[in-house]
């Protein structure tokens, strides 16, 4: 098992072919459902990607798309940091309800788990919530994982933006010691991504 625990737990709500992703420039990728891309009308997630990161996995399956990127010196096998973006179509759910389901799934899949809500707001028509999750050891794996998750609720689609750190196994938040400055740094990066709508001419 080499992918992030977040994308492996795809069943918590519902589960991008090459045509799902359109490149706008070197730092932003556009993510949307096939319906939006085919009609060129609707919601688009403008995803900010740090320099020197590359895609290691992308797919669309059962109304759910995922794109995973890692630093250029890492792969889907040996990654230590990962950004994962999910588009979950045909879902109308408050962001905090999605995060509550994520808590439940991680609590069952991790030897130790802890969660902290960071923020929740309505930004430019869209409700969102942010949470950081600690998974002391992923079931069936030899590592732990820390995941920062931002969820945005669109018209009929949920968008999940995740930054993951793969770690040694741990049994407390203090034991792994992820600095607050690191959390805030990556929160700033995932907050650079934005959801817009071509029908409102705000993309």
C-alpha atoms as a PDB file:
ATOM      1  CA  UNK A   1       0.000   0.000   0.000  1.00  0.00           C
ATOM      2  CA  UNK A   2       1.757   3.147  -1.195  1.00  0.00           C
ATOM      3  CA  UNK A   3      -0.933   5.760  -1.690  1.00  0.00           C
ATOM      4  CA  UNK A   4      -2.144   8.149   0.994  1.00  0.00           C
ATOM      5  CA  UNK A   5      -4.574   6.784   3.572  1.00  0.00           C
ATOM      6  CA  UNK A   6      -7.009   9.557   2.561  1.00  0.00           C
ATOM      7  CA  UNK A   7      -7.401   8.358  -1.021  1.00  0.00           C
ATOM      8  CA  UNK A   8      -7.350   4.704   0.025  1.00  0.00           C
ATOM      9  CA  UNK A   9     -10.400   5.390   2.224  1.00  0.00           C
ATOM     10  CA  UNK A  10     -12.380   6.378  -0.865  1.00  0.00           C
ATOM     11  CA  UNK A  11     -15.483   4.555   0.293  1.00  0.00           C
ATOM     12  CA  UNK A  12     -16.289   7.054   3.042  1.00  0.00           C
ATOM     13  CA  UNK A  13     -18.596   8.948   0.673  1.00  0.00           C
ATOM     14  CA  UNK A  14     -18.936   7.413  -2.845  1.00  0.00           C
ATOM     15  CA  UNK A  15     -14.778   6.921  -5.888  1.00  0.00           C
ATOM     16  CA  UNK A  16     -10.008  11.307 -13.349  1.00  0.00           C
ATOM     17  CA  UNK A  17      -9.130  10.038 -16.722  1.00  0.00           C
ATOM     18  CA  UNK A  18      -6.550  12.039 -18.651  1.00  0.00           C
ATOM     19  CA  UNK A  19      -9.289  14.250 -20.062  1.00  0.00           C
ATOM     20  CA  UNK A  20     -10.367  15.336 -16.593  1.00  0.00           C
ATOM     21  CA  UNK A  21      -7.333  17.572 -16.087  1.00  0.00           C
ATOM     22  CA  UNK A  22      -6.558  20.709 -18.038  1.00  0.00           C
ATOM     23  CA  UNK A  23      -3.311  22.588 -17.510  1.00  0.00           C
ATOM     24  CA  UNK A  24      -3.586  26.371 -17.208  1.00  0.00           C
ATOM     25  CA  UNK A  25       0.066  27.186 -16.463  1.00  0.00           C
ATOM     26  CA  UNK A  26       3.043  25.741 -14.615  1.00  0.00           C
ATOM     27  CA  UNK A  27       1.647  26.410 -11.120  1.00  0.00           C
ATOM     28  CA  UNK A  28      -2.097  25.822 -11.481  1.00  0.00           C
ATOM     29  CA  UNK A  29      -4.055  22.793 -12.661  1.00  0.00           C
ATOM     30  CA  UNK A  30      -7.770  22.889 -13.426  1.00  0.00           C
ATOM     31  CA  UNK A  31      -9.872  20.055 -12.016  1.00  0.00           C
ATOM     32  CA  UNK A  32     -13.521  19.466 -12.853  1.00  0.00           C
ATOM     33  CA  UNK A  33     -16.003  16.710 -13.586  1.00  0.00           C
ATOM     34  CA  UNK A  34     -16.119  15.289 -17.146  1.00  0.00           C
ATOM     35  CA  UNK A  35     -19.551  16.926 -17.560  1.00  0.00           C
ATOM     36  CA  UNK A  36     -18.100  20.387 -16.867  1.00  0.00           C
ATOM     37  CA  UNK A  37     -15.076  19.843 -19.088  1.00  0.00           C
ATOM     38  CA  UNK A  38     -17.231  18.563 -21.958  1.00  0.00           C
ATOM     39  CA  UNK A  39     -19.620  21.521 -21.772  1.00  0.00           C
ATOM     40  CA  UNK A  40     -16.978  24.059 -20.663  1.00  0.00           C
ATOM     41  CA  UNK A  41     -19.562  25.399 -18.203  1.00  0.00           C
ATOM     42  CA  UNK A  42     -19.722  24.949 -14.454  1.00  0.00           C
ATOM     43  CA  UNK A  43     -17.510  24.630 -11.395  1.00  0.00           C
ATOM     44  CA  UNK A  44     -13.747  24.413 -11.763  1.00  0.00           C
ATOM     45  CA  UNK A  45     -11.228  23.822  -9.006  1.00  0.00           C
ATOM     46  CA  UNK A  46      -8.099  25.862  -9.686  1.00  0.00           C
ATOM     47  CA  UNK A  47      -5.427  23.860  -7.868  1.00  0.00           C
ATOM     48  CA  UNK A  48      -2.147  25.490  -6.881  1.00  0.00           C
ATOM     49  CA  UNK A  49       0.857  23.166  -7.224  1.00  0.00           C
ATOM     50  CA  UNK A  50       4.240  23.994  -5.666  1.00  0.00           C
ATOM     51  CA  UNK A  51       7.235  24.112  -8.019  1.00  0.00           C
ATOM     52  CA  UNK A  52       9.099  20.816  -8.565  1.00  0.00           C
ATOM     53  CA  UNK A  53       6.158  18.514  -7.779  1.00  0.00           C
ATOM     54  CA  UNK A  54       4.886  15.926 -10.269  1.00  0.00           C
ATOM     55  CA  UNK A  55       1.789  13.769 -10.773  1.00  0.00           C
ATOM     56  CA  UNK A  56       2.089  10.109  -9.721  1.00  0.00           C
ATOM     57  CA  UNK A  57      -1.547   9.019  -9.962  1.00  0.00           C
ATOM     58  CA  UNK A  58      -4.825  10.227 -11.455  1.00  0.00           C
ATOM     59  CA  UNK A  59      -8.108   8.515 -12.257  1.00  0.00           C
ATOM     60  CA  UNK A  60     -11.865   8.902 -12.527  1.00  0.00           C
ATOM     61  CA  UNK A  61     -14.056   6.079 -11.193  1.00  0.00           C
ATOM     62  CA  UNK A  62     -17.698   5.975 -10.051  1.00  0.00           C
ATOM     63  CA  UNK A  63     -18.217   9.760  -9.918  1.00  0.00           C
ATOM     64  CA  UNK A  64     -14.972  10.255  -8.008  1.00  0.00           C
ATOM     65  CA  UNK A  65     -11.729  11.703  -9.340  1.00  0.00           C
ATOM     66  CA  UNK A  66      -8.333  11.845  -7.694  1.00  0.00           C
ATOM     67  CA  UNK A  67      -5.013  13.463  -8.572  1.00  0.00           C
ATOM     68  CA  UNK A  68      -1.902  12.798  -6.434  1.00  0.00           C
ATOM     69  CA  UNK A  69       1.358  14.732  -6.706  1.00  0.00           C
ATOM     70  CA  UNK A  70       4.680  14.403  -4.855  1.00  0.00           C
ATOM     71  CA  UNK A  71       8.044  16.238  -4.914  1.00  0.00           C
ATOM     72  CA  UNK A  72      10.192  15.505  -7.964  1.00  0.00           C
ATOM     73  CA  UNK A  73      12.645  13.367  -5.945  1.00  0.00           C
ATOM     74  CA  UNK A  74       9.837  11.080  -4.670  1.00  0.00           C
ATOM     75  CA  UNK A  75       7.545   8.478  -6.248  1.00  0.00           C
ATOM     76  CA  UNK A  76       4.191   6.870  -5.465  1.00  0.00           C
ATOM     77  CA  UNK A  77       6.186   4.101  -3.722  1.00  0.00           C
ATOM     78  CA  UNK A  78       8.709   6.069  -1.642  1.00  0.00           C
ATOM     79  CA  UNK A  79       6.829   9.342  -1.072  1.00  0.00           C
ATOM     80  CA  UNK A  80       7.283  11.230   2.186  1.00  0.00           C
ATOM     81  CA  UNK A  81       5.014  14.158   1.257  1.00  0.00           C
ATOM     82  CA  UNK A  82       1.952  14.088  -0.988  1.00  0.00           C
ATOM     83  CA  UNK A  83      -0.761  16.443  -2.213  1.00  0.00           C
ATOM     84  CA  UNK A  84      -4.020  14.687  -3.129  1.00  0.00           C
ATOM     85  CA  UNK A  85      -7.022  16.395  -4.722  1.00  0.00           C
ATOM     86  CA  UNK A  86     -10.405  14.674  -4.942  1.00  0.00           C
ATOM     87  CA  UNK A  87     -13.521  15.646  -6.876  1.00  0.00           C
ATOM     88  CA  UNK A  88     -16.574  13.755  -5.583  1.00  0.00           C
ATOM     89  CA  UNK A  89     -19.495  14.299  -7.954  1.00  0.00           C
ATOM     90  CA  UNK A  90     -23.240  13.911  -7.285  1.00  0.00           C
ATOM     91  CA  UNK A  91     -22.784  14.637  -3.571  1.00  0.00           C
ATOM     92  CA  UNK A  92     -24.462  17.364  -1.547  1.00  0.00           C
ATOM     93  CA  UNK A  93     -22.946  17.325   1.933  1.00  0.00           C
ATOM     94  CA  UNK A  94     -21.720  19.968   4.392  1.00  0.00           C
ATOM     95  CA  UNK A  95     -17.910  19.960   4.560  1.00  0.00           C
ATOM     96  CA  UNK A  96     -17.909  19.245   8.297  1.00  0.00           C
ATOM     97  CA  UNK A  97     -20.119  16.187   7.765  1.00  0.00           C
ATOM     98  CA  UNK A  98     -17.529  14.836   5.319  1.00  0.00           C
ATOM     99  CA  UNK A  99     -14.768  15.475   7.865  1.00  0.00           C
ATOM    100  CA  UNK A 100     -16.811  13.689  10.543  1.00  0.00           C
ATOM    101  CA  UNK A 101     -17.005  10.634   8.258  1.00  0.00           C
ATOM    102  CA  UNK A 102     -13.257  10.922   7.702  1.00  0.00           C
ATOM    103  CA  UNK A 103     -12.696  10.932  11.474  1.00  0.00           C
ATOM    104  CA  UNK A 104     -14.744   7.764  11.843  1.00  0.00           C
ATOM    105  CA  UNK A 105     -12.911   5.993   9.002  1.00  0.00           C
ATOM    106  CA  UNK A 106      -9.457   6.961  10.286  1.00  0.00           C
ATOM    107  CA  UNK A 107     -10.366   5.986  13.844  1.00  0.00           C
ATOM    108  CA  UNK A 108     -11.065   2.457  12.558  1.00  0.00           C
ATOM    109  CA  UNK A 109      -8.027   2.308  10.231  1.00  0.00           C
ATOM    110  CA  UNK A 110      -5.288   3.693  12.502  1.00  0.00           C
ATOM    111  CA  UNK A 111      -3.724   2.304  15.683  1.00  0.00           C
ATOM    112  CA  UNK A 112      -3.773   5.840  17.108  1.00  0.00           C
ATOM    113  CA  UNK A 113      -5.757   8.799  15.803  1.00  0.00           C
ATOM    114  CA  UNK A 114      -6.255  12.428  16.761  1.00  0.00           C
ATOM    115  CA  UNK A 115      -8.046  15.303  15.025  1.00  0.00           C
ATOM    116  CA  UNK A 116      -8.084  19.080  15.180  1.00  0.00           C
ATOM    117  CA  UNK A 117     -10.398  21.437  13.331  1.00  0.00           C
ATOM    118  CA  UNK A 118      -8.528  24.430  11.968  1.00  0.00           C
ATOM    119  CA  UNK A 119     -11.194  26.565  10.311  1.00  0.00           C
ATOM    120  CA  UNK A 120     -14.563  26.629   8.601  1.00  0.00           C
ATOM    121  CA  UNK A 121     -16.060  29.408   6.543  1.00  0.00           C
ATOM    122  CA  UNK A 122     -18.075  30.420   3.511  1.00  0.00           C
ATOM    123  CA  UNK A 123     -15.741  31.869   0.916  1.00  0.00           C
ATOM    124  CA  UNK A 124     -17.065  33.273  -2.391  1.00  0.00           C
ATOM    125  CA  UNK A 125     -20.336  31.291  -2.434  1.00  0.00           C
ATOM    126  CA  UNK A 126     -18.831  28.047  -1.090  1.00  0.00           C
ATOM    127  CA  UNK A 127     -18.901  26.526   2.396  1.00  0.00           C
ATOM    128  CA  UNK A 128     -15.656  24.898   3.536  1.00  0.00           C
ATOM    129  CA  UNK A 129     -13.957  23.318   6.540  1.00  0.00           C
ATOM    130  CA  UNK A 130     -10.373  22.376   7.415  1.00  0.00           C
ATOM    131  CA  UNK A 131      -9.048  19.639   9.678  1.00  0.00           C
ATOM    132  CA  UNK A 132      -5.695  18.054  10.489  1.00  0.00           C
ATOM    133  CA  UNK A 133      -5.645  14.324  11.275  1.00  0.00           C
ATOM    134  CA  UNK A 134      -2.955  12.220  12.944  1.00  0.00           C
ATOM    135  CA  UNK A 135      -2.863   8.486  12.123  1.00  0.00           C
ATOM    136  CA  UNK A 136      -0.248   6.821  14.322  1.00  0.00           C
ATOM    137  CA  UNK A 137       0.068   3.727  12.149  1.00  0.00           C
ATOM    138  CA  UNK A 138      -1.925   2.907   9.036  1.00  0.00           C
ATOM    139  CA  UNK A 139      -3.527  -0.533   9.273  1.00  0.00           C
ATOM    140  CA  UNK A 140      -1.454  -3.062   7.358  1.00  0.00           C
ATOM    141  CA  UNK A 141       1.444  -0.645   6.864  1.00  0.00           C
ATOM    142  CA  UNK A 142       4.736   0.197   8.550  1.00  0.00           C
ATOM    143  CA  UNK A 143       4.215   3.935   8.787  1.00  0.00           C
ATOM    144  CA  UNK A 144       2.032   6.658  10.237  1.00  0.00           C
ATOM    145  CA  UNK A 145       0.519   9.589   8.425  1.00  0.00           C
ATOM    146  CA  UNK A 146      -0.529  13.164   9.175  1.00  0.00           C
ATOM    147  CA  UNK A 147      -3.103  14.699   6.826  1.00  0.00           C
ATOM    148  CA  UNK A 148      -4.223  18.305   6.464  1.00  0.00           C
ATOM    149  CA  UNK A 149      -7.629  18.330   4.726  1.00  0.00           C
ATOM    150  CA  UNK A 150      -9.600  21.236   3.264  1.00  0.00           C
ATOM    151  CA  UNK A 151     -13.095  20.380   2.021  1.00  0.00           C
ATOM    152  CA  UNK A 152     -15.159  22.691  -0.196  1.00  0.00           C
ATOM    153  CA  UNK A 153     -18.855  22.119  -0.907  1.00  0.00           C
ATOM    154  CA  UNK A 154     -19.875  23.005  -4.441  1.00  0.00           C
ATOM    155  CA  UNK A 155     -23.268  23.000  -6.102  1.00  0.00           C
ATOM    156  CA  UNK A 156     -23.520  19.199  -6.405  1.00  0.00           C
ATOM    157  CA  UNK A 157     -19.881  18.223  -5.914  1.00  0.00           C
ATOM    158  CA  UNK A 158     -17.467  17.977  -2.982  1.00  0.00           C
ATOM    159  CA  UNK A 159     -13.806  18.937  -3.359  1.00  0.00           C
ATOM    160  CA  UNK A 160     -11.173  17.581  -0.958  1.00  0.00           C
ATOM    161  CA  UNK A 161      -7.636  19.033  -0.901  1.00  0.00           C
ATOM    162  CA  UNK A 162      -5.132  17.092   1.204  1.00  0.00           C
ATOM    163  CA  UNK A 163      -1.504  17.491   2.253  1.00  0.00           C
ATOM    164  CA  UNK A 164      -0.045  14.273   3.717  1.00  0.00           C
ATOM    165  CA  UNK A 165       3.162  13.572   5.599  1.00  0.00           C
ATOM    166  CA  UNK A 166       4.305   9.940   5.867  1.00  0.00           C
ATOM    167  CA  UNK A 167       6.027   9.315   9.204  1.00  0.00           C
ATOM    168  CA  UNK A 168       7.428   6.637  11.439  1.00  0.00           C
ATOM    169  CA  UNK A 169       4.729   5.013  13.617  1.00  0.00           C
ATOM    170  CA  UNK A 170       3.753   7.100  16.663  1.00  0.00           C
ATOM    171  CA  UNK A 171       1.381   6.904  19.616  1.00  0.00           C
ATOM    172  CA  UNK A 172       0.834  10.587  20.444  1.00  0.00           C
ATOM    173  CA  UNK A 173       0.776  13.956  18.689  1.00  0.00           C
ATOM    174  CA  UNK A 174       3.675  15.102  20.860  1.00  0.00           C
ATOM    175  CA  UNK A 175       5.767  12.071  19.910  1.00  0.00           C
ATOM    176  CA  UNK A 176       5.765  12.893  16.206  1.00  0.00           C
ATOM    177  CA  UNK A 177       6.228  16.636  16.757  1.00  0.00           C
ATOM    178  CA  UNK A 178       5.009  18.257  13.533  1.00  0.00           C
ATOM    179  CA  UNK A 179       5.766  21.979  14.045  1.00  0.00           C
ATOM    180  CA  UNK A 180       2.821  24.376  14.001  1.00  0.00           C
ATOM    181  CA  UNK A 181       4.788  26.533  11.526  1.00  0.00           C
ATOM    182  CA  UNK A 182       4.828  23.602   9.078  1.00  0.00           C
ATOM    183  CA  UNK A 183       1.071  23.122   9.430  1.00  0.00           C
ATOM    184  CA  UNK A 184       0.391  26.827   8.820  1.00  0.00           C
ATOM    185  CA  UNK A 185       2.799  26.893   5.868  1.00  0.00           C
ATOM    186  CA  UNK A 186       0.910  24.112   4.094  1.00  0.00           C
ATOM    187  CA  UNK A 187      -2.463  25.512   5.087  1.00  0.00           C
ATOM    188  CA  UNK A 188      -1.436  28.667   3.248  1.00  0.00           C
ATOM    189  CA  UNK A 189      -0.475  26.621   0.192  1.00  0.00           C
ATOM    190  CA  UNK A 190      -3.708  24.613  -0.040  1.00  0.00           C
ATOM    191  CA  UNK A 191      -5.685  27.809   0.585  1.00  0.00           C
ATOM    192  CA  UNK A 192      -4.210  29.234  -2.629  1.00  0.00           C
ATOM    193  CA  UNK A 193      -6.433  26.827  -4.561  1.00  0.00           C
ATOM    194  CA  UNK A 194      -9.918  28.140  -5.286  1.00  0.00           C
ATOM    195  CA  UNK A 195     -13.280  26.963  -6.587  1.00  0.00           C
ATOM    196  CA  UNK A 196     -14.875  29.117  -9.269  1.00  0.00           C
ATOM    197  CA  UNK A 197     -17.695  28.867 -11.803  1.00  0.00           C
ATOM    198  CA  UNK A 198     -17.430  29.721 -15.492  1.00  0.00           C
ATOM    199  CA  UNK A 199     -21.161  30.572 -15.518  1.00  0.00           C
ATOM    200  CA  UNK A 200     -20.396  33.502 -13.192  1.00  0.00           C
ATOM    201  CA  UNK A 201     -17.293  34.534 -15.140  1.00  0.00           C
ATOM    202  CA  UNK A 202     -15.173  34.367 -11.969  1.00  0.00           C
ATOM    203  CA  UNK A 203     -12.616  31.808 -13.194  1.00  0.00           C
END
